[in-house]
């Protein structure tokens, strides 16, 4: 149970972070969000999304939403109108499952968890960058973390050497 919920929350946190980034650029959802795909059938995930986004989450009747979007675009072109205007005039049918509505207490808790997730993620990024820096092999120093010294024969030299050998082989000579 808890591991499953943690996995759902991790995915949701990543989606929410993308949403926040879009909001900084003026792209903000109003009036709720539509959830599509196989995950839309999961009532727990719909509720997690509703709580974190603090908005209504609805699902669409049409399971193949990508195909539906393409059909809307084709219909709009066929009628010679803007796609946004066509969709406003012919909205997709909602209500595959029950709507999920945010719960005030749950929203506070999950937003706090989201901020903690960001802190941990940022710390892990720093540690990964520090480890990568320490693992860098420097030919001029022998004190790298692995104590490994790069061979004097670089990959490009090896590649040339291998291609020369191949050209000496009569069967492979046609490739040279």
Protein backbone atom coordinates (compact mmCIF):
# COMPACT_ATOMS: atom_id res chain seq x y z
CA UNK A 1 0.00 0.00 0.00
CA UNK A 2 2.51 2.66 1.09
CA UNK A 3 5.05 1.84 -1.62
CA UNK A 4 2.32 1.93 -4.25
CA UNK A 5 1.11 5.31 -3.02
CA UNK A 6 4.69 6.62 -2.91
CA UNK A 7 5.15 5.63 -6.56
CA UNK A 8 1.92 7.43 -7.52
CA UNK A 9 2.96 10.51 -5.55
CA UNK A 10 6.42 10.55 -7.17
CA UNK A 11 4.89 10.55 -10.65
CA UNK A 12 2.37 13.18 -9.58
CA UNK A 13 5.09 15.41 -8.09
CA UNK A 14 6.98 15.35 -11.41
CA UNK A 15 3.81 16.26 -13.33
CA UNK A 16 3.01 19.02 -10.83
CA UNK A 17 6.51 20.47 -11.16
CA UNK A 18 6.01 20.67 -14.94
CA UNK A 19 2.65 22.35 -14.34
CA UNK A 20 4.28 24.93 -12.05
CA UNK A 21 6.91 25.64 -14.69
CA UNK A 22 4.20 26.21 -17.31
CA UNK A 23 2.34 28.48 -14.88
CA UNK A 24 5.44 30.71 -14.61
CA UNK A 25 5.08 31.20 -18.36
CA UNK A 26 1.42 32.17 -18.11
CA UNK A 27 -0.10 28.80 -19.03
CA UNK A 28 -2.52 28.04 -16.24
CA UNK A 29 -5.34 25.52 -16.11
CA UNK A 30 -8.73 26.84 -15.17
CA UNK A 31 -11.85 24.91 -14.29
CA UNK A 32 -10.18 21.60 -13.50
CA UNK A 33 -8.06 19.09 -15.36
CA UNK A 34 -8.92 16.15 -17.61
CA UNK A 35 -7.01 12.96 -16.94
CA UNK A 36 -6.54 10.48 -19.80
CA UNK A 37 -4.93 7.10 -20.33
CA UNK A 38 -4.92 3.93 -18.26
CA UNK A 39 -4.06 5.72 -15.03
CA UNK A 40 -7.25 7.76 -15.30
CA UNK A 41 -9.16 4.68 -14.15
CA UNK A 42 -7.34 4.71 -10.80
CA UNK A 43 -9.46 6.54 -8.21
CA UNK A 44 -6.52 6.86 -5.78
CA UNK A 45 -4.37 8.57 -8.38
CA UNK A 46 -7.24 10.89 -9.38
CA UNK A 47 -7.58 11.91 -5.72
CA UNK A 48 -3.82 12.48 -5.29
CA UNK A 49 -3.87 14.70 -8.39
CA UNK A 50 -6.96 16.60 -7.18
CA UNK A 51 -5.34 17.21 -3.79
CA UNK A 52 -1.94 18.30 -5.12
CA UNK A 53 -3.30 20.46 -7.95
CA UNK A 54 -6.12 21.66 -5.68
CA UNK A 55 -8.63 21.34 -8.50
CA UNK A 56 -11.29 19.02 -9.91
CA UNK A 57 -9.97 16.05 -11.90
CA UNK A 58 -12.25 14.59 -14.58
CA UNK A 59 -11.74 11.73 -17.01
CA UNK A 60 -12.86 11.46 -20.60
CA UNK A 61 -15.11 8.83 -22.11
CA UNK A 62 -12.75 8.50 -25.08
CA UNK A 63 -9.90 6.17 -24.06
CA UNK A 64 -7.81 7.02 -27.14
CA UNK A 65 -7.39 10.71 -26.42
CA UNK A 66 -4.41 11.13 -28.77
CA UNK A 67 -6.53 9.86 -31.65
CA UNK A 68 -9.37 12.11 -30.51
CA UNK A 69 -7.04 15.13 -30.56
CA UNK A 70 -5.91 14.28 -34.08
CA UNK A 71 -9.55 13.91 -35.13
CA UNK A 72 -10.39 17.33 -33.66
CA UNK A 73 -7.49 18.89 -35.56
CA UNK A 74 -8.56 17.25 -38.83
CA UNK A 75 -12.19 18.33 -38.33
CA UNK A 76 -11.14 21.91 -37.59
CA UNK A 77 -9.01 22.02 -40.75
CA UNK A 78 -11.87 20.47 -42.74
CA UNK A 79 -14.22 23.20 -41.54
CA UNK A 80 -11.60 25.92 -41.95
CA UNK A 81 -11.65 27.07 -38.32
CA UNK A 82 -9.10 27.47 -35.56
CA UNK A 83 -8.57 24.21 -33.62
CA UNK A 84 -9.14 25.90 -30.22
CA UNK A 85 -12.41 27.39 -31.46
CA UNK A 86 -13.53 24.04 -32.89
CA UNK A 87 -12.86 22.24 -29.60
CA UNK A 88 -14.67 24.95 -27.64
CA UNK A 89 -17.68 24.47 -29.88
CA UNK A 90 -17.40 20.64 -29.78
CA UNK A 91 -15.93 19.73 -26.39
CA UNK A 92 -14.95 16.13 -25.67
CA UNK A 93 -17.35 14.17 -23.51
CA UNK A 94 -16.17 13.85 -19.93
CA UNK A 95 -17.18 11.44 -17.20
CA UNK A 96 -15.54 8.09 -17.67
CA UNK A 97 -15.31 7.77 -13.89
CA UNK A 98 -16.22 9.89 -10.93
CA UNK A 99 -14.65 13.32 -10.63
CA UNK A 100 -12.09 13.73 -7.88
CA UNK A 101 -12.33 16.93 -5.83
CA UNK A 102 -9.57 18.31 -3.60
CA UNK A 103 -9.74 17.77 0.14
CA UNK A 104 -8.44 20.83 2.03
CA UNK A 105 -6.53 18.84 4.69
CA UNK A 106 -5.09 16.41 2.14
CA UNK A 107 -4.00 19.32 -0.06
CA UNK A 108 -2.00 20.85 2.81
CA UNK A 109 -0.32 17.51 3.57
CA UNK A 110 0.56 16.63 0.00
CA UNK A 111 1.89 20.12 -0.74
CA UNK A 112 4.18 19.76 2.28
CA UNK A 113 5.30 16.35 0.98
CA UNK A 114 5.90 17.90 -2.45
CA UNK A 115 8.20 20.56 -0.98
CA UNK A 116 10.13 17.87 0.92
CA UNK A 117 10.40 15.83 -2.30
CA UNK A 118 11.90 18.86 -4.08
CA UNK A 119 14.44 19.39 -1.29
CA UNK A 120 15.53 15.74 -1.40
CA UNK A 121 15.68 15.76 -5.22
CA UNK A 122 17.79 18.91 -5.25
CA UNK A 123 20.15 17.41 -2.66
CA UNK A 124 20.47 14.25 -4.73
CA UNK A 125 21.27 16.32 -7.84
CA UNK A 126 24.04 18.11 -5.94
CA UNK A 127 25.46 14.82 -4.64
CA UNK A 128 25.33 13.29 -8.13
CA UNK A 129 27.17 16.29 -9.58
CA UNK A 130 29.76 16.16 -6.80
CA UNK A 131 30.32 12.44 -7.32
CA UNK A 132 30.62 12.95 -11.08
CA UNK A 133 33.18 15.70 -10.50
CA UNK A 134 35.19 13.45 -8.17
CA UNK A 135 35.07 10.56 -10.61
CA UNK A 136 36.51 12.63 -13.45
CA UNK A 137 39.81 11.19 -14.54
CA UNK A 138 42.55 13.77 -14.91
CA UNK A 139 45.70 12.59 -16.70
CA UNK A 140 47.77 15.13 -14.77
CA UNK A 141 46.73 13.89 -11.32
CA UNK A 142 46.80 10.45 -9.82
CA UNK A 143 44.50 11.34 -6.92
CA UNK A 144 41.17 10.85 -8.65
CA UNK A 145 38.64 8.91 -6.62
CA UNK A 146 39.18 5.66 -8.53
CA UNK A 147 42.95 5.91 -8.75
CA UNK A 148 42.66 5.11 -12.46
CA UNK A 149 44.97 6.52 -15.08
CA UNK A 150 43.73 6.88 -18.64
CA UNK A 151 45.73 4.91 -21.20
CA UNK A 152 47.76 6.94 -23.64
CA UNK A 153 45.95 5.32 -26.56
CA UNK A 154 42.73 7.34 -27.03
CA UNK A 155 39.56 5.87 -28.51
CA UNK A 156 40.06 7.75 -31.77
CA UNK A 157 43.57 6.28 -32.12
CA UNK A 158 42.16 2.80 -31.44
CA UNK A 159 39.47 3.37 -34.04
CA UNK A 160 42.05 4.30 -36.67
CA UNK A 161 44.17 1.32 -35.64
CA UNK A 162 41.17 -1.04 -35.95
CA UNK A 163 40.20 0.36 -39.35
CA UNK A 164 43.78 -0.13 -40.61
CA UNK A 165 43.70 -3.78 -39.50
CA UNK A 166 40.36 -4.26 -41.22
CA UNK A 167 41.74 -2.88 -44.48
CA UNK A 168 44.58 -5.40 -44.36
CA UNK A 169 42.04 -8.23 -44.16
CA UNK A 170 41.23 -9.17 -47.76
CA UNK A 171 37.60 -10.01 -46.99
CA UNK A 172 36.98 -6.62 -45.35
CA UNK A 173 39.07 -4.54 -47.77
CA UNK A 174 36.00 -3.56 -49.77
CA UNK A 175 34.71 -1.66 -46.72
CA UNK A 176 37.78 0.61 -46.58
